[in-house]
């Protein structure tokens, strides 16, 4: 039971982070000057979060 709760909490945290990163990436793409590629760091983190979420099973509550 403890493991399930930890996984659920981890998944929830990752989903929140994913949402924030999606918004941040959208803003960066719209507002960063041409040639500024700092959005690539955000994209890399977003992909890492997506991959982490793929490894954690979804829970039906």
N, C-alpha and C. Protein backbone atom coordinates (compact mmCIF):
# COMPACT_ATOMS: atom_id res chain seq x y z
N UNK A 1 0.83 -1.21 0.00
CA UNK A 1 0.00 0.00 0.00
C UNK A 1 0.87 1.26 0.00
N UNK A 2 1.92 1.27 0.81
CA UNK A 2 2.79 2.44 0.86
C UNK A 2 3.42 2.73 -0.49
N UNK A 3 3.84 1.67 -1.19
CA UNK A 3 4.46 1.85 -2.50
C UNK A 3 3.46 2.46 -3.48
N UNK A 4 2.23 1.99 -3.44
CA UNK A 4 1.19 2.53 -4.33
C UNK A 4 0.95 4.00 -4.06
N UNK A 5 0.91 4.36 -2.80
CA UNK A 5 0.70 5.76 -2.44
C UNK A 5 1.86 6.62 -2.92
N UNK A 6 3.08 6.12 -2.74
CA UNK A 6 4.25 6.87 -3.21
C UNK A 6 4.22 7.05 -4.72
N UNK A 7 3.87 5.99 -5.44
CA UNK A 7 3.79 6.08 -6.89
C UNK A 7 2.70 7.06 -7.32
N UNK A 8 1.58 7.01 -6.64
CA UNK A 8 0.49 7.93 -6.95
C UNK A 8 0.91 9.38 -6.73
N UNK A 9 1.59 9.62 -5.62
CA UNK A 9 2.05 10.98 -5.32
C UNK A 9 3.11 11.42 -6.33
N UNK A 10 4.00 10.51 -6.70
CA UNK A 10 5.04 10.83 -7.68
C UNK A 10 4.40 11.14 -9.03
N UNK A 11 3.44 10.33 -9.43
CA UNK A 11 2.75 10.55 -10.71
C UNK A 11 2.04 11.90 -10.70
N UNK A 12 1.37 12.21 -9.60
CA UNK A 12 0.67 13.49 -9.49
C UNK A 12 1.65 14.65 -9.63
N UNK A 13 2.78 14.56 -8.94
CA UNK A 13 3.80 15.60 -9.04
C UNK A 13 4.34 15.75 -10.45
N UNK A 14 4.56 14.64 -11.11
CA UNK A 14 5.05 14.69 -12.49
C UNK A 14 4.02 15.29 -13.43
N UNK A 15 2.75 14.95 -13.22
CA UNK A 15 1.70 15.53 -14.07
C UNK A 15 1.62 17.04 -13.88
N UNK A 16 1.76 17.51 -12.65
CA UNK A 16 1.76 18.95 -12.39
C UNK A 16 2.95 19.61 -13.07
N UNK A 17 4.12 18.98 -12.96
CA UNK A 17 5.33 19.52 -13.59
C UNK A 17 5.18 19.53 -15.10
N UNK A 18 4.60 18.49 -15.66
CA UNK A 18 4.37 18.42 -17.10
C UNK A 18 3.50 19.58 -17.57
N UNK A 19 2.44 19.85 -16.83
CA UNK A 19 1.55 20.95 -17.19
C UNK A 19 2.28 22.28 -17.15
N UNK A 20 3.07 22.51 -16.10
CA UNK A 20 3.82 23.77 -15.99
C UNK A 20 4.84 23.90 -17.12
N UNK A 21 5.51 22.81 -17.45
CA UNK A 21 6.50 22.85 -18.52
C UNK A 21 5.86 23.10 -19.88
N UNK A 22 4.68 22.54 -20.11
CA UNK A 22 3.98 22.78 -21.38
C UNK A 22 3.64 24.25 -21.53
N UNK A 23 3.17 24.87 -20.45
CA UNK A 23 2.84 26.29 -20.49
C UNK A 23 4.11 27.11 -20.70
N UNK A 24 5.15 26.79 -19.93
CA UNK A 24 6.41 27.52 -20.05
C UNK A 24 6.98 27.42 -21.45
N UNK A 25 6.97 26.23 -22.02
CA UNK A 25 7.50 26.04 -23.37
C UNK A 25 6.71 26.86 -24.38
N UNK A 26 5.42 26.87 -24.25
CA UNK A 26 4.57 27.66 -25.15
C UNK A 26 4.92 29.14 -25.07
N UNK A 27 5.07 29.64 -23.86
CA UNK A 27 5.42 31.05 -23.66
C UNK A 27 6.81 31.34 -24.23
N UNK A 28 7.75 30.45 -23.96
CA UNK A 28 9.11 30.66 -24.46
C UNK A 28 9.14 30.70 -25.98
N UNK A 29 8.44 29.80 -26.62
CA UNK A 29 8.45 29.77 -28.08
C UNK A 29 7.84 31.05 -28.65
N UNK A 30 6.83 31.57 -27.99
CA UNK A 30 6.17 32.79 -28.46
C UNK A 30 6.98 34.05 -28.19
N UNK A 31 7.77 34.07 -27.11
CA UNK A 31 8.36 35.34 -26.67
C UNK A 31 9.88 35.43 -26.77
N UNK A 32 10.57 34.32 -26.84
CA UNK A 32 12.03 34.41 -26.88
C UNK A 32 12.49 34.98 -28.21
N UNK A 33 13.53 35.79 -28.18
CA UNK A 33 14.04 36.35 -29.44
C UNK A 33 14.63 35.25 -30.32
N UNK A 34 14.60 35.49 -31.60
CA UNK A 34 15.15 34.56 -32.58
C UNK A 34 16.61 34.28 -32.24
N UNK A 35 16.99 33.04 -32.25
CA UNK A 35 18.36 32.66 -31.93
C UNK A 35 18.55 32.26 -30.48
N UNK A 36 17.61 32.63 -29.61
CA UNK A 36 17.69 32.23 -28.20
C UNK A 36 17.09 30.83 -28.10
N UNK A 37 17.93 29.89 -27.78
CA UNK A 37 17.48 28.50 -27.76
C UNK A 37 17.36 27.94 -26.35
N UNK A 38 17.13 28.81 -25.37
CA UNK A 38 16.98 28.33 -23.99
C UNK A 38 15.74 27.46 -23.84
N UNK A 39 14.81 27.57 -24.78
CA UNK A 39 13.61 26.74 -24.72
C UNK A 39 13.95 25.26 -24.89
N UNK A 40 15.13 24.98 -25.47
CA UNK A 40 15.53 23.58 -25.65
C UNK A 40 15.70 22.86 -24.31
N UNK A 41 16.17 23.59 -23.29
CA UNK A 41 16.29 22.99 -21.96
C UNK A 41 14.92 22.60 -21.42
N UNK A 42 13.94 23.47 -21.65
CA UNK A 42 12.57 23.18 -21.22
C UNK A 42 12.03 21.97 -21.97
N UNK A 43 12.29 21.91 -23.26
CA UNK A 43 11.84 20.78 -24.07
C UNK A 43 12.47 19.48 -23.59
N UNK A 44 13.75 19.51 -23.27
CA UNK A 44 14.43 18.31 -22.78
C UNK A 44 13.82 17.85 -21.45
N UNK A 45 13.56 18.80 -20.56
CA UNK A 45 12.95 18.43 -19.27
C UNK A 45 11.55 17.88 -19.47
N UNK A 46 10.80 18.48 -20.37
CA UNK A 46 9.45 18.02 -20.65
C UNK A 46 9.47 16.57 -21.16
N UNK A 47 10.38 16.26 -22.05
CA UNK A 47 10.51 14.89 -22.57
C UNK A 47 10.89 13.93 -21.45
N UNK A 48 11.78 14.36 -20.56
CA UNK A 48 12.19 13.51 -19.44
C UNK A 48 11.00 13.22 -18.52
N UNK A 49 10.17 14.22 -18.27
CA UNK A 49 8.99 14.02 -17.43
C UNK A 49 8.01 13.07 -18.12
N UNK A 50 7.82 13.25 -19.42
CA UNK A 50 6.92 12.35 -20.15
C UNK A 50 7.42 10.90 -20.07
N UNK A 51 8.71 10.71 -20.20
CA UNK A 51 9.27 9.35 -20.11
C UNK A 51 9.11 8.77 -18.71
N UNK A 52 9.30 9.60 -17.70
CA UNK A 52 9.11 9.14 -16.32
C UNK A 52 7.67 8.72 -16.09
N UNK A 53 6.73 9.50 -16.63
CA UNK A 53 5.32 9.17 -16.49
C UNK A 53 4.97 7.85 -17.17
N UNK A 54 5.63 7.56 -18.28
CA UNK A 54 5.39 6.29 -18.98
C UNK A 54 5.78 5.09 -18.13
N UNK A 55 6.72 5.28 -17.22
CA UNK A 55 7.20 4.17 -16.39
C UNK A 55 6.37 3.98 -15.13
N UNK A 56 5.53 4.95 -14.81
CA UNK A 56 4.70 4.85 -13.60
C UNK A 56 3.28 4.50 -14.04
N UNK A 57 2.75 3.40 -13.54
CA UNK A 57 1.40 3.01 -13.97
C UNK A 57 0.35 4.03 -13.51
N UNK A 58 -0.65 4.20 -14.36
CA UNK A 58 -1.78 5.06 -13.99
C UNK A 58 -2.66 4.30 -13.01
N UNK A 59 -3.23 5.02 -12.07
CA UNK A 59 -4.10 4.42 -11.07
C UNK A 59 -5.53 4.87 -11.31
N UNK A 60 -6.44 3.95 -11.30
CA UNK A 60 -7.86 4.29 -11.37
C UNK A 60 -8.38 4.41 -9.95
N UNK A 61 -8.87 5.61 -9.64
CA UNK A 61 -9.40 5.82 -8.29
C UNK A 61 -10.90 5.90 -8.32
